[in-house]
Amino acid sequence: MVAASILAIAVWGFNYGLDFTGGSILEVSFSSARPELGAVQSAAADLNIEGLMIQPVGEDRMIFRFKAIGDEKYQELKKRIGAAAISAGGTGGGEAGEAFEIQRYDSIQPSVGQDLKIRAVYAIFFVLAAIVIYIGWTFRNVSKPVASWKYGIAALIALFHDITIVLGVYAVLGHFFGIEINTPFVAAALTVLGYSVNDTIVVFDRIRENLPQSEENFEGTVNISVNQTLVRSINTSLTVMLVLLSIIFIGGGTIKDFALVLAIGIFVGTYSSIFIASPALVVWEKLSSR
């Protein structure tokens, strides 16, 4: 999965949203009937707006995403939206500007988007570094047979697995389904890292508790500790997944992408905490003993 994710990222890259590439977001709510998506697309087709994406949200709203445009073309776009709304209402009357209300209109410059990219990378890097330092400090009294800092590195290996697969899935979704990476994605990715390391520490903490009293070797002690925390880890993740899946399928459009990142990350994070982080300690201990 990690190899496939790296390949997908290398071949397709990411479909960056306006937060990173620059552009505008227009959200409108319609006072009566919301026009069909196809009708709005047809109305705006000959304006040749670069990167125009239209997304229905809820019962009466639409979100328009597009590259930066001039004021004249923006005014014309609003007229076309209003005309489509009047046609959908079937009244044949009223002003185009009265058919909908602008909820927000945000513009992002490309330079700001590039700065966000850099900050996102820094955020993930510093979170990973802080996690390694925190685990090394927390397990400082555990020195045999594996040094405390190695627990942090093992957790980092698991987190690399998690974030790589999340990025790989989004490279695939972006290429085939046009799903974008925006700032909510970065927030969700950081949340995934926090959740995953929390799960990993639960297993590591049980290893620390069992080491002084275990009659097994290190591998056997790790195996016992994983089995003791297995049901707890699965049950905790399952309850979270049920909530996230309900948001993905019946929740609001603005939070679905955030929930999707969390669902993917928590699924692979649960696996990595049990089957990657702990075995990494065992492998390291065997290599050291040789």
Protein backbone atom coordinates (compact mmCIF):
# COMPACT_ATOMS: atom_id res chain seq x y z
CA MET A 1 0.00 0.00 0.00
CA VAL A 2 2.84 2.38 0.80
CA ALA A 3 4.64 1.53 -2.46
CA ALA A 4 1.43 1.99 -4.46
CA SER A 5 0.80 5.32 -2.72
CA ILE A 6 4.29 6.62 -3.50
CA LEU A 7 3.85 5.54 -7.13
CA ALA A 8 0.47 7.30 -7.38
CA ILE A 9 1.93 10.49 -5.91
CA ALA A 10 4.91 10.36 -8.29
CA VAL A 11 2.79 9.71 -11.39
CA TRP A 12 -0.33 11.81 -10.77
CA GLY A 13 0.62 14.25 -8.03
CA PHE A 14 -2.13 16.10 -6.17
CA ASN A 15 -5.15 18.03 -7.32
CA TYR A 16 -4.57 21.18 -5.29
CA GLY A 17 -7.58 23.31 -4.47
CA LEU A 18 -7.86 27.08 -4.53
CA ASP A 19 -6.34 27.34 -1.07
CA PHE A 20 -3.02 26.31 -2.63
CA THR A 21 -3.27 27.43 -6.26
CA GLY A 22 -5.07 30.74 -5.80
CA GLY A 23 -8.49 31.69 -7.15
CA SER A 24 -11.96 32.52 -5.89
CA ILE A 25 -14.78 30.81 -4.01
CA LEU A 26 -18.35 32.05 -4.41
CA GLU A 27 -21.11 30.56 -2.27
CA VAL A 28 -24.73 31.52 -2.95
CA SER A 29 -28.08 30.56 -1.45
CA PHE A 30 -31.22 30.63 -3.61
CA SER A 31 -34.37 32.32 -2.36
CA SER A 32 -36.72 29.88 -4.11
CA ALA A 33 -35.97 26.79 -6.18
CA ARG A 34 -32.33 25.94 -6.69
CA PRO A 35 -31.55 25.51 -10.41
CA GLU A 36 -30.24 22.22 -11.73
CA LEU A 37 -26.48 21.82 -11.84
CA GLY A 38 -26.55 21.29 -15.60
CA ALA A 39 -28.55 24.48 -16.15
CA VAL A 40 -26.05 26.59 -14.24
CA GLN A 41 -23.12 24.94 -16.02
CA SER A 42 -24.72 25.67 -19.40
CA ALA A 43 -25.45 29.27 -18.42
CA ALA A 44 -21.80 29.88 -17.48
CA ALA A 45 -20.22 27.77 -20.23
CA ASP A 46 -19.52 30.55 -22.76
CA LEU A 47 -17.90 32.80 -20.14
CA ASN A 48 -14.76 30.63 -20.41
CA ILE A 49 -13.96 30.88 -16.70
CA GLU A 50 -10.79 28.93 -16.03
CA GLY A 51 -11.05 26.09 -13.53
CA LEU A 52 -14.77 26.60 -12.89
CA MET A 53 -16.22 23.95 -10.59
CA ILE A 54 -19.81 24.08 -9.33
CA GLN A 55 -20.87 22.11 -6.27
CA PRO A 56 -24.46 21.89 -4.94
CA VAL A 57 -24.53 22.05 -1.13
CA GLY A 58 -27.50 21.25 1.07
CA GLU A 59 -30.97 22.07 -0.24
CA ASP A 60 -30.59 25.62 -1.50
CA ARG A 61 -26.90 26.46 -1.97
CA MET A 62 -24.16 26.22 -4.55
CA ILE A 63 -20.42 26.77 -4.30
CA PHE A 64 -18.49 28.08 -7.33
CA ARG A 65 -14.71 27.66 -7.45
CA PHE A 66 -12.68 29.25 -10.22
CA LYS A 67 -9.40 30.93 -11.06
CA ALA A 68 -9.14 34.66 -10.50
CA ILE A 69 -11.36 36.68 -12.87
CA GLY A 70 -11.99 40.35 -13.50
CA ASP A 71 -14.91 42.29 -12.04
CA GLU A 72 -16.73 42.45 -15.37
CA LYS A 73 -16.76 38.68 -15.80
CA TYR A 74 -17.70 38.25 -12.13
CA GLN A 75 -20.75 40.49 -12.55
CA GLU A 76 -21.75 38.58 -15.66
CA LEU A 77 -21.44 35.28 -13.80
CA LYS A 78 -23.83 36.56 -11.13
CA LYS A 79 -26.34 37.55 -13.82
CA ARG A 80 -26.17 34.10 -15.37
CA ILE A 81 -26.69 32.43 -11.98
CA GLY A 82 -29.69 34.67 -11.30
CA ALA A 83 -31.19 33.96 -14.72
CA ALA A 84 -30.83 30.21 -14.17
CA ALA A 85 -32.48 30.56 -10.76
CA ILE A 86 -35.45 32.49 -12.19
CA SER A 87 -35.90 29.86 -14.88
CA ALA A 88 -35.85 27.11 -12.25
CA GLY A 89 -38.47 28.92 -10.20
CA GLY A 90 -40.79 29.02 -13.17
CA THR A 91 -42.09 32.48 -12.32
CA GLY A 92 -40.65 34.22 -15.34
CA GLY A 93 -40.36 37.43 -13.35
CA GLY A 94 -38.21 39.14 -10.76
CA GLU A 95 -34.71 40.49 -10.97
CA ALA A 96 -31.76 38.12 -11.39
CA GLY A 97 -30.02 39.66 -8.38
CA GLU A 98 -33.03 38.90 -6.18
CA ALA A 99 -33.08 35.19 -7.02
CA PHE A 100 -30.09 34.39 -4.80
CA GLU A 101 -28.00 35.79 -1.98
CA ILE A 102 -24.20 35.76 -1.79
CA GLN A 103 -23.06 34.03 1.40
CA ARG A 104 -19.35 34.48 0.82
CA TYR A 105 -16.90 35.51 -1.85
CA ASP A 106 -13.23 34.87 -1.07
CA SER A 107 -10.22 35.46 -3.29
CA ILE A 108 -6.82 33.88 -2.69
CA GLN A 109 -3.69 35.03 -4.47
CA PRO A 110 -1.32 32.34 -5.86
CA SER A 111 1.51 33.65 -3.64
CA VAL A 112 -0.67 33.05 -0.57
CA GLY A 113 -1.45 29.55 -1.81
CA GLN A 114 2.25 28.77 -2.24
CA ASP A 115 2.91 30.03 1.28
CA LEU A 116 0.16 27.71 2.57
CA LYS A 117 1.86 24.74 0.88
CA ILE A 118 5.14 25.49 2.61
CA ARG A 119 3.43 26.02 5.96
CA ALA A 120 1.54 22.74 5.59
CA VAL A 121 4.78 20.82 5.01
CA TYR A 122 6.41 22.54 7.99
CA ALA A 123 3.39 21.78 10.18
CA ILE A 124 3.52 18.06 9.39
CA PHE A 125 7.30 17.94 9.83
CA PHE A 126 7.26 19.67 13.22
CA VAL A 127 4.37 17.51 14.43
CA LEU A 128 6.33 14.36 13.55
CA ALA A 129 9.47 15.68 15.25
CA ALA A 130 7.50 16.66 18.37
CA ILE A 131 5.91 13.21 18.54
CA VAL A 132 9.30 11.46 18.45
CA ILE A 133 10.66 13.74 21.18
CA TYR A 134 7.55 13.30 23.31
CA ILE A 135 7.59 9.50 23.12
CA GLY A 136 11.33 9.39 23.78
CA TRP A 137 10.82 11.52 26.91
CA THR A 138 7.76 9.61 28.11
CA PHE A 139 9.55 6.26 27.82
CA ARG A 140 12.87 7.56 29.18
CA ASN A 141 12.80 5.05 32.05
CA VAL A 142 12.54 2.15 29.62
CA SER A 143 16.08 1.29 28.57
CA LYS A 144 16.13 -2.47 28.13
CA PRO A 145 16.17 -4.22 25.80
CA VAL A 146 15.18 -1.32 23.50
CA ALA A 147 16.20 2.28 24.19
CA SER A 148 13.44 4.82 24.77
CA TRP A 149 14.21 6.88 21.66
CA LYS A 150 13.65 3.79 19.52
CA TYR A 151 10.00 3.79 20.60
CA GLY A 152 9.74 7.23 19.04
CA ILE A 153 11.33 6.07 15.79
CA ALA A 154 9.01 3.04 15.66
CA ALA A 155 6.03 5.35 16.08
CA LEU A 156 7.43 7.57 13.33
CA ILE A 157 7.64 4.59 10.96
CA ALA A 158 3.97 3.85 11.63
CA LEU A 159 3.04 7.51 11.09
CA PHE A 160 4.97 7.60 7.82
CA HIS A 161 2.91 4.58 6.74
CA ASP A 162 -0.32 6.37 7.70
CA ILE A 163 0.30 9.73 6.07
CA THR A 164 1.78 8.17 2.90
CA ILE A 165 -1.29 6.03 2.31
CA VAL A 166 -3.64 8.97 2.97
CA LEU A 167 -1.70 11.07 0.45
CA GLY A 168 -1.67 8.19 -2.04
CA VAL A 169 -5.43 7.70 -1.80
CA TYR A 170 -5.94 11.42 -2.40
CA ALA A 171 -3.61 11.33 -5.40
CA VAL A 172 -5.87 8.62 -6.87
CA LEU A 173 -9.10 10.42 -5.92
CA GLY A 174 -7.78 13.69 -7.31
CA HIS A 175 -6.78 12.11 -10.63
CA PHE A 176 -9.96 10.10 -11.24
CA PHE A 177 -12.64 12.02 -9.33
CA GLY A 178 -11.28 15.57 -9.14
CA ILE A 179 -11.19 15.66 -5.32
CA GLU A 180 -9.02 18.55 -4.21
CA ILE A 181 -6.51 19.04 -1.41
CA ASN A 182 -7.27 22.19 0.60
CA THR A 183 -6.47 23.47 4.08
CA PRO A 184 -9.14 21.22 5.70
CA PHE A 185 -7.16 18.28 4.31
CA VAL A 186 -4.04 19.47 6.14
CA ALA A 187 -6.02 19.89 9.37
CA ALA A 188 -7.48 16.39 8.98
CA ALA A 189 -4.03 14.91 8.21
CA LEU A 190 -2.60 16.42 11.40
CA THR A 191 -5.58 15.05 13.32
CA VAL A 192 -4.88 11.60 11.87
CA LEU A 193 -1.27 11.79 13.06
CA GLY A 194 -2.44 12.69 16.56
CA TYR A 195 -5.04 9.94 16.66
CA SER A 196 -2.67 7.32 15.30
CA VAL A 197 0.12 8.10 17.74
CA ASN A 198 -2.41 8.00 20.58
CA ASP A 199 -3.29 4.45 19.55
CA THR A 200 0.39 3.55 19.28
CA ILE A 201 1.20 4.89 22.74
CA VAL A 202 -1.56 2.73 24.25
CA VAL A 203 0.23 -0.36 22.92
CA PHE A 204 3.68 0.94 23.90
CA ASP A 205 2.48 1.77 27.39
CA ARG A 206 1.25 -1.79 27.89
CA ILE A 207 4.65 -3.06 26.73
CA ARG A 208 6.30 -0.80 29.31
CA GLU A 209 4.02 -2.14 32.06
CA ASN A 210 4.58 -5.77 31.12
CA LEU A 211 8.38 -5.68 30.67
CA PRO A 212 9.39 -5.75 34.39
CA GLN A 213 7.09 -8.65 35.26
CA SER A 214 7.06 -10.68 32.06
CA GLU A 215 8.73 -14.09 31.94
CA GLU A 216 8.74 -13.99 28.15
CA ASN A 217 11.48 -12.60 25.96
CA PHE A 218 10.98 -9.18 24.37
CA GLU A 219 9.14 -10.57 21.34
CA GLY A 220 6.79 -12.58 23.55
CA THR A 221 6.16 -9.57 25.80
CA VAL A 222 5.28 -7.40 22.82
CA ASN A 223 2.97 -10.12 21.52
CA ILE A 224 1.15 -10.34 24.87
CA SER A 225 0.85 -6.54 25.05
CA VAL A 226 -0.59 -6.28 21.54
CA ASN A 227 -3.16 -8.98 22.31
CA GLN A 228 -4.17 -7.20 25.52
CA THR A 229 -4.84 -3.93 23.68
CA LEU A 230 -6.15 -5.37 20.42
CA VAL A 231 -9.86 -5.39 21.27
CA ARG A 232 -9.67 -1.92 22.82
CA SER A 233 -7.97 -0.46 19.73
CA ILE A 234 -10.42 -2.03 17.29
CA ASN A 235 -13.50 -1.05 19.31
CA THR A 236 -12.34 2.54 19.74
CA SER A 237 -11.58 2.94 16.04
CA LEU A 238 -14.81 1.23 15.02
CA THR A 239 -16.95 3.67 17.00
CA VAL A 240 -15.11 6.62 15.45
CA MET A 241 -15.46 5.11 11.96
CA LEU A 242 -19.22 4.74 12.39
CA VAL A 243 -19.51 8.46 13.11
CA LEU A 244 -17.24 9.42 10.22
CA LEU A 245 -19.07 7.18 7.73
CA SER A 246 -22.39 8.72 8.73
CA ILE A 247 -20.90 12.19 8.05
CA ILE A 248 -19.51 11.07 4.69
CA PHE A 249 -22.80 9.61 3.45
CA ILE A 250 -25.42 11.88 5.01
CA GLY A 251 -23.48 14.87 6.34
CA GLY A 252 -23.07 18.35 4.90
CA GLY A 253 -20.95 18.84 1.80
CA THR A 254 -18.49 21.22 3.44
CA ILE A 255 -17.32 18.66 6.02
CA LYS A 256 -17.38 15.48 3.93
CA ASP A 257 -13.82 15.90 2.64
CA PHE A 258 -12.55 16.43 6.19
CA ALA A 259 -14.38 13.30 7.38
CA LEU A 260 -13.07 11.26 4.43
CA VAL A 261 -9.44 12.05 5.30
CA LEU A 262 -10.08 11.09 8.93
CA ALA A 263 -11.80 7.83 7.94
CA ILE A 264 -8.92 6.74 5.69
CA GLY A 265 -6.27 7.82 8.19
CA ILE A 266 -7.89 6.23 11.24
CA PHE A 267 -8.44 2.97 9.37
CA VAL A 268 -4.77 2.63 8.37
CA GLY A 269 -3.65 4.17 11.69
CA THR A 270 -5.37 1.44 13.67
CA TYR A 271 -3.61 -1.18 11.56
CA SER A 272 -0.19 0.47 11.84
CA SER A 273 -0.35 0.93 15.62
CA ILE A 274 -0.85 -2.80 16.08
CA PHE A 275 0.99 -4.42 13.20
CA ILE A 276 3.78 -1.98 12.29
CA ALA A 277 4.90 0.10 15.28
CA SER A 278 5.21 -2.79 17.76
CA PRO A 279 6.80 -5.30 15.35
CA ALA A 280 9.29 -2.57 14.38
CA LEU A 281 10.51 -2.63 18.00
CA VAL A 282 10.91 -6.40 17.84
CA VAL A 283 12.86 -6.25 14.58
CA TRP A 284 15.10 -3.54 16.00
CA GLU A 285 15.73 -5.57 19.18
CA LYS A 286 16.69 -8.66 17.14
CA LEU A 287 19.07 -6.66 14.97
CA SER A 288 20.66 -5.10 18.05
CA SER A 289 21.10 -8.46 19.77
CA ARG A 290 22.93 -9.81 16.75
